[in-house]
Amino acid sequence: MALIVLAAGLLAAPLMVPPAAMSEDVRRRLAAGDVVVTHELPPGASNTALGGTAVAIMRAAPEQVWRVIVDYRGHPRYYPRVTAAEVVESDERHVVVRYQVTVHPFSFGFYMDKFPDPRRRRVEWHLADGRSHGLFRENSGYWQVDEAAGVDASVVTYAIAVRTLLPAFLTGAAERASLTETVMALRKLVEPHQ
């Protein structure tokens, strides 16, 4: 619940005037460039899903961040365990992407339905109906890119909910860690190098 308040506040007010619901610690961490991760799962996630939500400020225009997120073939550049991504179907409102993932010692493929909304700069996804899911029982989430205060700055939110055929004690820490790893890798792609 706290992340929903945080995200709504970030969308409604510039970062320089943080919402009252955001703790001073969260404001300080975002301003310092941290990736803030909570246990909040995306809408529609099951009670047994693992994952969470990560929020970060990126020094890049929202349009620039959006272009990288919807470059599905480029996903191996910032998703840590994705080794290949191929668009197999596409129209204005729906994209089917086949991913190849390596989680040692396993490597498997699966299909995702992606629903990009360029006007809102939001893409939601879930496992594709009627297609292979590999080791996944559930995989859903979203990216949201919003303007932040300042020139060419974005508030980027990444949320995932995952269940696999493997026991949760083997995968739980990896799912949480992947939130931060993914957002940090995206940041490296979109922010200017110093």
N, C-alpha and C. Protein backbone atom coordinates (compact mmCIF):
# COMPACT_ATOMS: atom_id res chain seq x y z
N MET A 1 0.82 -1.19 0.00
CA MET A 1 0.00 0.00 0.00
C MET A 1 0.86 1.25 0.00
N ALA A 2 1.95 1.22 0.75
CA ALA A 2 2.81 2.40 0.83
C ALA A 2 3.37 2.77 -0.53
N LEU A 3 3.71 1.77 -1.37
CA LEU A 3 4.27 2.09 -2.67
C LEU A 3 3.22 2.72 -3.58
N ILE A 4 1.97 2.29 -3.46
CA ILE A 4 0.92 2.90 -4.27
C ILE A 4 0.80 4.37 -3.93
N VAL A 5 0.84 4.69 -2.65
CA VAL A 5 0.80 6.09 -2.22
C VAL A 5 2.03 6.81 -2.74
N LEU A 6 3.21 6.17 -2.65
CA LEU A 6 4.44 6.75 -3.14
C LEU A 6 4.35 7.03 -4.63
N ALA A 7 3.95 6.03 -5.40
CA ALA A 7 3.89 6.19 -6.85
C ALA A 7 2.86 7.24 -7.24
N ALA A 8 1.70 7.23 -6.60
CA ALA A 8 0.68 8.23 -6.91
C ALA A 8 1.18 9.63 -6.59
N GLY A 9 1.89 9.75 -5.50
CA GLY A 9 2.43 11.05 -5.13
C GLY A 9 3.47 11.52 -6.11
N LEU A 10 4.32 10.62 -6.57
CA LEU A 10 5.33 11.00 -7.54
C LEU A 10 4.71 11.43 -8.85
N LEU A 11 3.59 10.83 -9.20
CA LEU A 11 2.93 11.19 -10.44
C LEU A 11 2.22 12.53 -10.32
N ALA A 12 1.73 12.84 -9.14
CA ALA A 12 0.92 14.03 -8.97
C ALA A 12 1.74 15.28 -8.69
N ALA A 13 2.95 15.16 -8.19
CA ALA A 13 3.71 16.34 -7.79
C ALA A 13 5.15 16.21 -8.27
N PRO A 14 5.79 17.32 -8.58
CA PRO A 14 7.19 17.26 -8.96
C PRO A 14 8.03 16.72 -7.82
N LEU A 15 9.14 16.10 -8.14
CA LEU A 15 9.98 15.51 -7.12
C LEU A 15 10.51 16.56 -6.15
N MET A 16 10.69 17.81 -6.59
CA MET A 16 11.23 18.84 -5.71
C MET A 16 10.25 19.20 -4.61
N VAL A 17 8.97 18.86 -4.75
CA VAL A 17 7.97 19.09 -3.71
C VAL A 17 7.35 17.73 -3.41
N PRO A 18 8.05 16.91 -2.64
CA PRO A 18 7.58 15.54 -2.43
C PRO A 18 6.26 15.50 -1.66
N PRO A 19 5.43 14.48 -1.95
CA PRO A 19 4.16 14.36 -1.25
C PRO A 19 4.38 14.03 0.21
N ALA A 20 3.45 14.44 1.04
CA ALA A 20 3.56 14.22 2.48
C ALA A 20 3.59 12.73 2.82
N ALA A 21 2.95 11.88 2.01
CA ALA A 21 2.88 10.45 2.30
C ALA A 21 4.24 9.75 2.12
N MET A 22 5.16 10.38 1.39
CA MET A 22 6.47 9.78 1.15
C MET A 22 7.36 10.07 2.35
N SER A 23 7.97 9.03 2.89
CA SER A 23 8.84 9.24 4.04
C SER A 23 10.07 10.05 3.64
N GLU A 24 10.62 10.71 4.60
CA GLU A 24 11.85 11.49 4.37
C GLU A 24 12.96 10.57 3.88
N ASP A 25 13.01 9.37 4.42
CA ASP A 25 14.03 8.41 4.00
C ASP A 25 13.89 8.06 2.53
N VAL A 26 12.66 7.81 2.06
CA VAL A 26 12.44 7.48 0.66
C VAL A 26 12.80 8.66 -0.22
N ARG A 27 12.38 9.86 0.15
CA ARG A 27 12.73 11.06 -0.63
C ARG A 27 14.24 11.22 -0.74
N ARG A 28 14.93 11.04 0.38
CA ARG A 28 16.37 11.18 0.41
C ARG A 28 17.03 10.12 -0.48
N ARG A 29 16.55 8.89 -0.39
CA ARG A 29 17.13 7.80 -1.17
C ARG A 29 16.92 8.00 -2.67
N LEU A 30 15.71 8.41 -3.07
CA LEU A 30 15.46 8.67 -4.49
C LEU A 30 16.34 9.81 -4.99
N ALA A 31 16.42 10.89 -4.21
CA ALA A 31 17.24 12.04 -4.60
C ALA A 31 18.71 11.66 -4.71
N ALA A 32 19.15 10.69 -3.88
CA ALA A 32 20.55 10.24 -3.91
C ALA A 32 20.82 9.26 -5.04
N GLY A 33 19.78 8.87 -5.78
CA GLY A 33 19.97 7.96 -6.89
C GLY A 33 19.72 6.50 -6.56
N ASP A 34 19.21 6.22 -5.37
CA ASP A 34 18.93 4.84 -4.99
C ASP A 34 17.73 4.30 -5.76
N VAL A 35 17.67 2.99 -5.85
CA VAL A 35 16.49 2.29 -6.33
C VAL A 35 15.74 1.85 -5.08
N VAL A 36 14.51 2.34 -4.91
CA VAL A 36 13.72 2.00 -3.73
C VAL A 36 12.82 0.82 -4.07
N VAL A 37 12.98 -0.28 -3.33
CA VAL A 37 12.25 -1.52 -3.59
C VAL A 37 11.32 -1.81 -2.42
N THR A 38 10.08 -2.16 -2.75
CA THR A 38 9.11 -2.56 -1.73
C THR A 38 8.57 -3.95 -2.08
N HIS A 39 7.80 -4.51 -1.18
CA HIS A 39 7.17 -5.82 -1.40
C HIS A 39 5.87 -5.71 -2.18
N GLU A 40 5.44 -4.52 -2.54
CA GLU A 40 4.17 -4.31 -3.23
C GLU A 40 4.18 -4.99 -4.60
N LEU A 41 3.25 -5.91 -4.81
CA LEU A 41 3.14 -6.62 -6.08
C LEU A 41 2.24 -5.86 -7.04
N PRO A 42 2.38 -6.09 -8.34
CA PRO A 42 1.52 -5.41 -9.31
C PRO A 42 0.07 -5.87 -9.18
N PRO A 43 -0.87 -5.07 -9.67
CA PRO A 43 -2.29 -5.46 -9.63
C PRO A 43 -2.51 -6.82 -10.29
N GLY A 44 -3.37 -7.64 -9.69
CA GLY A 44 -3.71 -8.93 -10.25
C GLY A 44 -2.79 -10.07 -9.85
N ALA A 45 -1.73 -9.77 -9.08
CA ALA A 45 -0.81 -10.83 -8.68
C ALA A 45 -1.48 -11.77 -7.68
N SER A 46 -1.07 -13.03 -7.73
CA SER A 46 -1.62 -14.01 -6.79
C SER A 46 -1.01 -13.79 -5.40
N ASN A 47 -1.64 -14.38 -4.40
CA ASN A 47 -1.14 -14.26 -3.02
C ASN A 47 0.18 -14.99 -2.81
N THR A 48 0.50 -15.92 -3.69
CA THR A 48 1.73 -16.69 -3.53
C THR A 48 2.87 -16.21 -4.44
N ALA A 49 2.64 -15.15 -5.18
CA ALA A 49 3.67 -14.63 -6.08
C ALA A 49 4.79 -13.96 -5.28
N LEU A 50 5.98 -13.99 -5.87
CA LEU A 50 7.14 -13.29 -5.33
C LEU A 50 7.43 -12.11 -6.23
N GLY A 51 8.20 -11.17 -5.73
CA GLY A 51 8.57 -10.01 -6.53
C GLY A 51 8.46 -8.76 -5.72
N GLY A 52 7.95 -7.70 -6.33
CA GLY A 52 7.82 -6.41 -5.66
C GLY A 52 7.81 -5.30 -6.68
N THR A 53 8.09 -4.09 -6.19
CA THR A 53 8.09 -2.90 -7.04
C THR A 53 9.33 -2.08 -6.74
N ALA A 54 9.96 -1.60 -7.80
CA ALA A 54 11.15 -0.75 -7.68
C ALA A 54 10.83 0.60 -8.30
N VAL A 55 11.27 1.67 -7.65
CA VAL A 55 11.09 3.03 -8.15
C VAL A 55 12.45 3.71 -8.14
N ALA A 56 12.74 4.46 -9.21
CA ALA A 56 14.00 5.20 -9.27
C ALA A 56 13.80 6.47 -10.10
N ILE A 57 14.65 7.43 -9.85
CA ILE A 57 14.72 8.63 -10.67
C ILE A 57 15.87 8.44 -11.64
N MET A 58 15.61 8.71 -12.93
CA MET A 58 16.66 8.59 -13.94
C MET A 58 16.86 9.93 -14.62
N ARG A 59 18.10 10.28 -14.87
CA ARG A 59 18.44 11.52 -15.56
C ARG A 59 18.34 11.29 -17.07
N ALA A 60 17.10 11.14 -17.52
CA ALA A 60 16.81 10.91 -18.94
C ALA A 60 15.37 11.31 -19.17
N ALA A 61 15.09 11.83 -20.35
CA ALA A 61 13.72 12.23 -20.70
C ALA A 61 12.82 10.99 -20.72
N PRO A 62 11.57 11.15 -20.30
CA PRO A 62 10.64 10.00 -20.31
C PRO A 62 10.55 9.32 -21.67
N GLU A 63 10.58 10.09 -22.76
CA GLU A 63 10.48 9.50 -24.09
C GLU A 63 11.69 8.60 -24.38
N GLN A 64 12.86 9.00 -23.90
CA GLN A 64 14.07 8.21 -24.11
C GLN A 64 13.97 6.88 -23.35
N VAL A 65 13.53 6.94 -22.09
CA VAL A 65 13.38 5.72 -21.29
C VAL A 65 12.33 4.81 -21.94
N TRP A 66 11.21 5.40 -22.37
CA TRP A 66 10.13 4.63 -23.00
C TRP A 66 10.63 3.89 -24.23
N ARG A 67 11.41 4.55 -25.07
CA ARG A 67 11.92 3.91 -26.29
C ARG A 67 12.74 2.66 -25.96
N VAL A 68 13.53 2.72 -24.91
CA VAL A 68 14.34 1.55 -24.53
C VAL A 68 13.43 0.43 -24.02
N ILE A 69 12.44 0.77 -23.21
CA ILE A 69 11.55 -0.25 -22.64
C ILE A 69 10.76 -0.98 -23.71
N VAL A 70 10.30 -0.27 -24.74
CA VAL A 70 9.50 -0.94 -25.78
C VAL A 70 10.35 -1.47 -26.95
N ASP A 71 11.66 -1.40 -26.82
CA ASP A 71 12.56 -2.07 -27.76
C ASP A 71 12.74 -3.50 -27.25
N TYR A 72 11.74 -4.33 -27.50
CA TYR A 72 11.69 -5.66 -26.92
C TYR A 72 12.90 -6.51 -27.27
N ARG A 73 13.38 -6.39 -28.50
CA ARG A 73 14.56 -7.17 -28.90
C ARG A 73 15.79 -6.78 -28.08
N GLY A 74 15.78 -5.57 -27.55
CA GLY A 74 16.91 -5.09 -26.75
C GLY A 74 16.83 -5.45 -25.27
N HIS A 75 15.81 -6.18 -24.86
CA HIS A 75 15.66 -6.50 -23.44
C HIS A 75 16.85 -7.25 -22.82
N PRO A 76 17.58 -8.08 -23.55
CA PRO A 76 18.75 -8.72 -22.92
C PRO A 76 19.80 -7.71 -22.44
N ARG A 77 19.73 -6.48 -22.91
CA ARG A 77 20.70 -5.47 -22.48
C ARG A 77 20.51 -5.07 -21.02
N TYR A 78 19.29 -5.23 -20.47
CA TYR A 78 19.10 -4.80 -19.08
C TYR A 78 18.33 -5.77 -18.20
N TYR A 79 17.68 -6.77 -18.76
CA TYR A 79 17.10 -7.82 -17.92
C TYR A 79 18.22 -8.82 -17.64
N PRO A 80 18.62 -9.00 -16.37
CA PRO A 80 19.84 -9.75 -16.06
C PRO A 80 19.88 -11.20 -16.52
N ARG A 81 18.77 -11.89 -16.57
CA ARG A 81 18.80 -13.31 -16.91
C ARG A 81 18.26 -13.61 -18.31
N VAL A 82 17.84 -12.58 -19.02
CA VAL A 82 17.32 -12.75 -20.38
C VAL A 82 18.49 -12.80 -21.35
N THR A 83 18.56 -13.89 -22.10
CA THR A 83 19.64 -14.05 -23.08
C THR A 83 19.19 -13.79 -24.51
N ALA A 84 17.87 -13.80 -24.75
CA ALA A 84 17.34 -13.52 -26.09
C ALA A 84 15.88 -13.08 -25.96
N ALA A 85 15.47 -12.20 -26.87
CA ALA A 85 14.08 -11.75 -26.93
C ALA A 85 13.71 -11.57 -28.40
N GLU A 86 12.59 -12.15 -28.78
CA GLU A 86 12.14 -12.10 -30.17
C GLU A 86 10.66 -11.75 -30.21
N VAL A 87 10.31 -10.72 -30.99
CA VAL A 87 8.91 -10.36 -31.18
C VAL A 87 8.33 -11.35 -32.19
N VAL A 88 7.26 -12.07 -31.78
CA VAL A 88 6.67 -13.06 -32.67
C VAL A 88 5.32 -12.60 -33.22
N GLU A 89 4.68 -11.63 -32.56
CA GLU A 89 3.44 -11.01 -33.04
C GLU A 89 3.44 -9.57 -32.55
N SER A 90 2.84 -8.68 -33.37
CA SER A 90 2.81 -7.30 -32.95
C SER A 90 1.73 -6.51 -33.67
N ASP A 91 1.01 -5.68 -32.92
CA ASP A 91 0.16 -4.65 -33.49
C ASP A 91 0.24 -3.45 -32.55
N GLU A 92 -0.59 -2.44 -32.76
CA GLU A 92 -0.47 -1.21 -31.97
C GLU A 92 -0.67 -1.42 -30.47
N ARG A 93 -1.51 -2.36 -30.09
CA ARG A 93 -1.88 -2.51 -28.68
C ARG A 93 -1.38 -3.77 -28.00
N HIS A 94 -0.75 -4.65 -28.77
CA HIS A 94 -0.38 -5.96 -28.21
C HIS A 94 0.86 -6.48 -28.90
N VAL A 95 1.77 -7.01 -28.11
CA VAL A 95 2.99 -7.60 -28.63
C VAL A 95 3.20 -8.94 -27.92
N VAL A 96 3.54 -9.98 -28.67
CA VAL A 96 3.93 -11.25 -28.07
C VAL A 96 5.44 -11.37 -28.23
N VAL A 97 6.12 -11.58 -27.11
CA VAL A 97 7.58 -11.68 -27.11
C VAL A 97 7.97 -13.06 -26.58
N ARG A 98 8.88 -13.72 -27.29
CA ARG A 98 9.45 -14.98 -26.80
C ARG A 98 10.79 -14.65 -26.17
N TYR A 99 10.92 -15.02 -24.91
CA TYR A 99 12.16 -14.79 -24.16
C TYR A 99 12.89 -16.10 -23.94
N GLN A 100 14.19 -16.04 -23.92
CA GLN A 100 15.04 -17.13 -23.49
C GLN A 100 15.74 -16.64 -22.23
N VAL A 101 15.67 -17.44 -21.16
CA VAL A 101 16.20 -17.05 -19.86
C VAL A 101 17.15 -18.13 -19.36
N THR A 102 18.21 -17.70 -18.70
CA THR A 102 19.11 -18.64 -18.05
C THR A 102 19.16 -18.31 -16.56
N VAL A 103 18.75 -19.28 -15.76
CA VAL A 103 18.85 -19.22 -14.31
C VAL A 103 19.58 -20.50 -13.94
N HIS A 104 20.87 -20.38 -13.77
CA HIS A 104 21.72 -21.57 -13.61
C HIS A 104 21.16 -22.51 -12.57
N PRO A 105 21.07 -23.76 -12.89
CA PRO A 105 21.60 -24.44 -14.08
C PRO A 105 20.57 -24.59 -15.20
N PHE A 106 19.46 -23.85 -15.12
CA PHE A 106 18.37 -24.01 -16.08
C PHE A 106 18.41 -22.94 -17.16
N SER A 107 17.96 -23.32 -18.36
CA SER A 107 17.74 -22.37 -19.44
C SER A 107 16.41 -22.77 -20.07
N PHE A 108 15.53 -21.80 -20.27
CA PHE A 108 14.22 -22.11 -20.83
C PHE A 108 13.65 -20.90 -21.55
N GLY A 109 12.67 -21.18 -22.40
CA GLY A 109 11.98 -20.14 -23.13
C GLY A 109 10.55 -20.00 -22.65
N PHE A 110 9.97 -18.82 -22.85
CA PHE A 110 8.57 -18.59 -22.51
C PHE A 110 8.07 -17.40 -23.32
N TYR A 111 6.75 -17.26 -23.39
CA TYR A 111 6.11 -16.21 -24.17
C TYR A 111 5.35 -15.25 -23.25
N MET A 112 5.46 -13.96 -23.55
CA MET A 112 4.76 -12.94 -22.78
C MET A 112 3.86 -12.12 -23.70
N ASP A 113 2.66 -11.80 -23.20
CA ASP A 113 1.79 -10.82 -23.84
C ASP A 113 2.13 -9.46 -23.24
N LYS A 114 2.48 -8.51 -24.09
CA LYS A 114 2.82 -7.15 -23.67
C LYS A 114 1.75 -6.20 -24.19
N PHE A 115 1.38 -5.24 -23.37
CA PHE A 115 0.34 -4.27 -23.72
C PHE A 115 0.88 -2.86 -23.52
N PRO A 116 1.53 -2.30 -24.56
CA PRO A 116 2.10 -0.96 -24.42
C PRO A 116 1.03 0.13 -24.56
N ASP A 117 1.15 1.15 -23.75
CA ASP A 117 0.29 2.35 -23.83
C ASP A 117 1.22 3.55 -23.94
N PRO A 118 1.57 3.95 -25.16
CA PRO A 118 2.54 5.04 -25.34
C PRO A 118 2.07 6.37 -24.75
N ARG A 119 0.78 6.63 -24.76
CA ARG A 119 0.28 7.89 -24.22
C ARG A 119 0.60 8.00 -22.72
N ARG A 120 0.41 6.92 -22.00
CA ARG A 120 0.70 6.90 -20.55
C ARG A 120 2.14 6.46 -20.26
N ARG A 121 2.86 6.05 -21.28
CA ARG A 121 4.21 5.48 -21.14
C ARG A 121 4.19 4.36 -20.08
N ARG A 122 3.31 3.41 -20.34
CA ARG A 122 3.15 2.25 -19.45
C ARG A 122 3.02 1.00 -20.31
N VAL A 123 3.71 -0.05 -19.92
CA VAL A 123 3.55 -1.34 -20.59
C VAL A 123 3.30 -2.37 -19.49
N GLU A 124 2.22 -3.14 -19.68
CA GLU A 124 1.86 -4.20 -18.75
C GLU A 124 2.06 -5.53 -19.46
N TRP A 125 2.27 -6.59 -18.69
CA TRP A 125 2.48 -7.90 -19.30
C TRP A 125 2.01 -9.02 -18.39
N HIS A 126 1.83 -10.17 -19.04
CA HIS A 126 1.57 -11.43 -18.33
C HIS A 126 1.94 -12.56 -19.28
N LEU A 127 2.02 -13.77 -18.74
CA LEU A 127 2.33 -14.92 -19.58
C LEU A 127 1.30 -15.05 -20.69
N ALA A 128 1.76 -15.38 -21.88
CA ALA A 128 0.88 -15.47 -23.04
C ALA A 128 0.00 -16.71 -22.94
N ASP A 129 -1.29 -16.51 -23.14
CA ASP A 129 -2.25 -17.62 -23.12
C ASP A 129 -1.96 -18.58 -24.28
N GLY A 130 -2.04 -19.88 -23.99
CA GLY A 130 -1.90 -20.89 -25.03
C GLY A 130 -0.49 -21.09 -25.56
N ARG A 131 0.50 -20.55 -24.86
CA ARG A 131 1.89 -20.71 -25.30
C ARG A 131 2.73 -21.24 -24.14
N SER A 132 3.93 -21.66 -24.45
CA SER A 132 4.83 -22.22 -23.45
C SER A 132 5.18 -21.18 -22.38
N HIS A 133 5.22 -21.65 -21.14
CA HIS A 133 5.58 -20.78 -20.01
C HIS A 133 6.90 -21.21 -19.37
N GLY A 134 7.54 -22.22 -19.93
CA GLY A 134 8.80 -22.68 -19.36
C GLY A 134 8.61 -23.09 -17.90
N LEU A 135 9.43 -22.58 -17.03
CA LEU A 135 9.35 -22.88 -15.60
C LEU A 135 8.39 -21.96 -14.84
N PHE A 136 7.76 -21.02 -15.54
CA PHE A 136 6.88 -20.07 -14.87
C PHE A 136 5.46 -20.59 -14.71
N ARG A 137 4.90 -20.34 -13.56
CA ARG A 137 3.46 -20.54 -13.33
C ARG A 137 2.76 -19.18 -13.42
N GLU A 138 3.49 -18.13 -13.09
CA GLU A 138 2.95 -16.77 -13.12
C GLU A 138 4.11 -15.82 -13.40
N ASN A 139 3.86 -14.83 -14.23
CA ASN A 139 4.82 -13.76 -14.48
C ASN A 139 4.03 -12.60 -15.04
N SER A 140 3.90 -11.56 -14.25
CA SER A 140 3.16 -10.38 -14.68
C SER A 140 3.82 -9.14 -14.09
N GLY A 141 3.44 -8.00 -14.62
CA GLY A 141 4.00 -6.77 -14.08
C GLY A 141 3.79 -5.60 -15.01
N TYR A 142 4.56 -4.54 -14.74
CA TYR A 142 4.48 -3.34 -15.58
C TYR A 142 5.71 -2.48 -15.42
N TRP A 143 5.93 -1.66 -16.43
CA TRP A 143 6.86 -0.53 -16.40
C TRP A 143 5.99 0.72 -16.50
N GLN A 144 6.33 1.74 -15.76
CA GLN A 144 5.65 3.04 -15.85
C GLN A 144 6.75 4.10 -15.87
N VAL A 145 6.68 5.02 -16.84
CA VAL A 145 7.66 6.09 -16.96
C VAL A 145 6.92 7.42 -16.90
N ASP A 146 7.28 8.25 -15.92
CA ASP A 146 6.64 9.55 -15.73
C ASP A 146 7.69 10.64 -15.65
N GLU A 147 7.27 11.86 -15.92
CA GLU A 147 8.17 12.99 -15.80
C GLU A 147 8.47 13.26 -14.34
N ALA A 148 9.71 13.64 -14.07
CA ALA A 148 10.12 14.08 -12.74
C ALA A 148 10.52 15.54 -12.86
N ALA A 149 10.59 16.22 -11.74
CA ALA A 149 11.03 17.61 -11.74
C ALA A 149 12.46 17.67 -12.28
N GLY A 150 12.74 18.71 -12.98
CA GLY A 150 14.07 18.86 -13.53
C GLY A 150 14.06 18.59 -15.02
N VAL A 151 15.10 19.02 -15.65
CA VAL A 151 15.23 18.85 -17.10
C VAL A 151 15.61 17.41 -17.40
N ASP A 152 14.87 16.80 -18.31
CA ASP A 152 15.16 15.44 -18.76
C ASP A 152 15.33 14.46 -17.60
N ALA A 153 14.33 14.41 -16.74
CA ALA A 153 14.35 13.46 -15.62
C ALA A 153 13.06 12.64 -15.64
N SER A 154 13.16 11.38 -15.23
CA SER A 154 12.02 10.47 -15.25
C SER A 154 11.90 9.74 -13.91
N VAL A 155 10.65 9.49 -13.52
CA VAL A 155 10.36 8.58 -12.43
C VAL A 155 10.02 7.26 -13.11
N VAL A 156 10.78 6.22 -12.81
CA VAL A 156 10.60 4.93 -13.46
C VAL A 156 10.18 3.91 -12.40
N THR A 157 9.06 3.23 -12.68
CA THR A 157 8.53 2.21 -11.78
C THR A 157 8.51 0.88 -12.52
N TYR A 158 9.02 -0.16 -11.85
CA TYR A 158 9.08 -1.50 -12.41
C TYR A 158 8.51 -2.45 -11.36
N ALA A 159 7.45 -3.17 -11.72
CA ALA A 159 6.81 -4.09 -10.78
C ALA A 159 6.69 -5.47 -11.41
N ILE A 160 6.97 -6.50 -10.60
CA ILE A 160 6.87 -7.88 -11.08
C ILE A 160 6.21 -8.78 -10.04
N ALA A 161 5.54 -9.80 -10.54
CA ALA A 161 4.98 -10.86 -9.71
C ALA A 161 5.31 -12.17 -10.41
N VAL A 162 5.98 -13.07 -9.70
CA VAL A 162 6.49 -14.29 -10.33
C VAL A 162 6.24 -15.50 -9.42
N ARG A 163 5.84 -16.59 -10.04
CA ARG A 163 5.83 -17.91 -9.40
C ARG A 163 6.43 -18.87 -10.40
N THR A 164 7.30 -19.75 -9.92
CA THR A 164 7.91 -20.75 -10.81
C THR A 164 7.57 -22.15 -10.31
N LEU A 165 7.98 -23.13 -11.09
CA LEU A 165 7.83 -24.53 -10.68
C LEU A 165 8.83 -24.88 -9.58
N LEU A 166 9.86 -24.05 -9.41
CA LEU A 166 10.86 -24.29 -8.38
C LEU A 166 10.34 -23.80 -7.03
N PRO A 167 10.81 -24.37 -5.94
CA PRO A 167 10.36 -23.92 -4.62
C PRO A 167 10.72 -22.46 -4.37
N ALA A 168 9.84 -21.75 -3.68
CA ALA A 168 10.02 -20.32 -3.41
C ALA A 168 11.32 -20.03 -2.68
N PHE A 169 11.77 -20.91 -1.80
CA PHE A 169 13.00 -20.64 -1.06
C PHE A 169 14.22 -20.59 -1.97
N LEU A 170 14.11 -21.19 -3.17
CA LEU A 170 15.20 -21.13 -4.14
C LEU A 170 15.17 -19.88 -5.00
N THR A 171 13.98 -19.31 -5.20
CA THR A 171 13.85 -18.21 -6.17
C THR A 171 13.52 -16.86 -5.56
N GLY A 172 13.03 -16.81 -4.33
CA GLY A 172 12.56 -15.56 -3.74
C GLY A 172 13.59 -14.46 -3.71
N ALA A 173 14.80 -14.76 -3.24
CA ALA A 173 15.83 -13.73 -3.17
C ALA A 173 16.23 -13.26 -4.56
N ALA A 174 16.24 -14.17 -5.54
CA ALA A 174 16.62 -13.80 -6.90
C ALA A 174 15.61 -12.83 -7.51
N GLU A 175 14.33 -13.04 -7.26
CA GLU A 175 13.31 -12.14 -7.81
C GLU A 175 13.45 -10.74 -7.23
N ARG A 176 13.66 -10.64 -5.92
CA ARG A 176 13.83 -9.32 -5.28
C ARG A 176 15.09 -8.64 -5.81
N ALA A 177 16.19 -9.40 -5.91
CA ALA A 177 17.43 -8.81 -6.40
C ALA A 177 17.30 -8.36 -7.85
N SER A 178 16.52 -9.09 -8.65
CA SER A 178 16.39 -8.73 -10.06
C SER A 178 15.70 -7.38 -10.25
N LEU A 179 14.86 -6.98 -9.31
CA LEU A 179 14.23 -5.65 -9.40
C LEU A 179 15.30 -4.56 -9.45
N THR A 180 16.20 -4.58 -8.49
CA THR A 180 17.26 -3.57 -8.44
C THR A 180 18.21 -3.72 -9.62
N GLU A 181 18.63 -4.95 -9.93
CA GLU A 181 19.56 -5.17 -11.04
C GLU A 181 18.99 -4.66 -12.36
N THR A 182 17.72 -4.93 -12.61
CA THR A 182 17.09 -4.51 -13.86
C THR A 182 17.02 -3.00 -13.96
N VAL A 183 16.57 -2.34 -12.91
CA VAL A 183 16.45 -0.87 -12.94
C VAL A 183 17.83 -0.22 -13.06
N MET A 184 18.82 -0.75 -12.37
CA MET A 184 20.18 -0.18 -12.47
C MET A 184 20.74 -0.37 -13.89
N ALA A 185 20.50 -1.52 -14.50
CA ALA A 185 20.98 -1.76 -15.86
C ALA A 185 20.27 -0.84 -16.85
N LEU A 186 18.95 -0.63 -16.66
CA LEU A 186 18.23 0.31 -17.51
C LEU A 186 18.80 1.72 -17.35
N ARG A 187 19.07 2.11 -16.12
CA ARG A 187 19.64 3.44 -15.86
C ARG A 187 20.95 3.63 -16.64
N LYS A 188 21.80 2.61 -16.65
CA LYS A 188 23.08 2.72 -17.37
C LYS A 188 22.87 2.94 -18.86
N LEU A 189 21.79 2.38 -19.40
CA LEU A 189 21.51 2.54 -20.83
C LEU A 189 20.99 3.93 -21.18
N VAL A 190 20.17 4.51 -20.30
CA VAL A 190 19.46 5.75 -20.67
C VAL A 190 20.12 7.02 -20.15
N GLU A 191 20.89 6.94 -19.08
CA GLU A 191 21.50 8.15 -18.53
C GLU A 191 22.78 8.48 -19.28
N PRO A 192 23.08 9.77 -19.40
CA PRO A 192 24.33 10.15 -20.06
C PRO A 192 25.53 9.66 -19.25
N HIS A 193 26.56 9.22 -19.95
CA HIS A 193 27.78 8.75 -19.28
C HIS A 193 28.61 9.94 -18.88
N GLN A 194 29.19 9.84 -17.70
CA GLN A 194 30.01 10.97 -17.21
C GLN A 194 31.47 10.66 -17.31
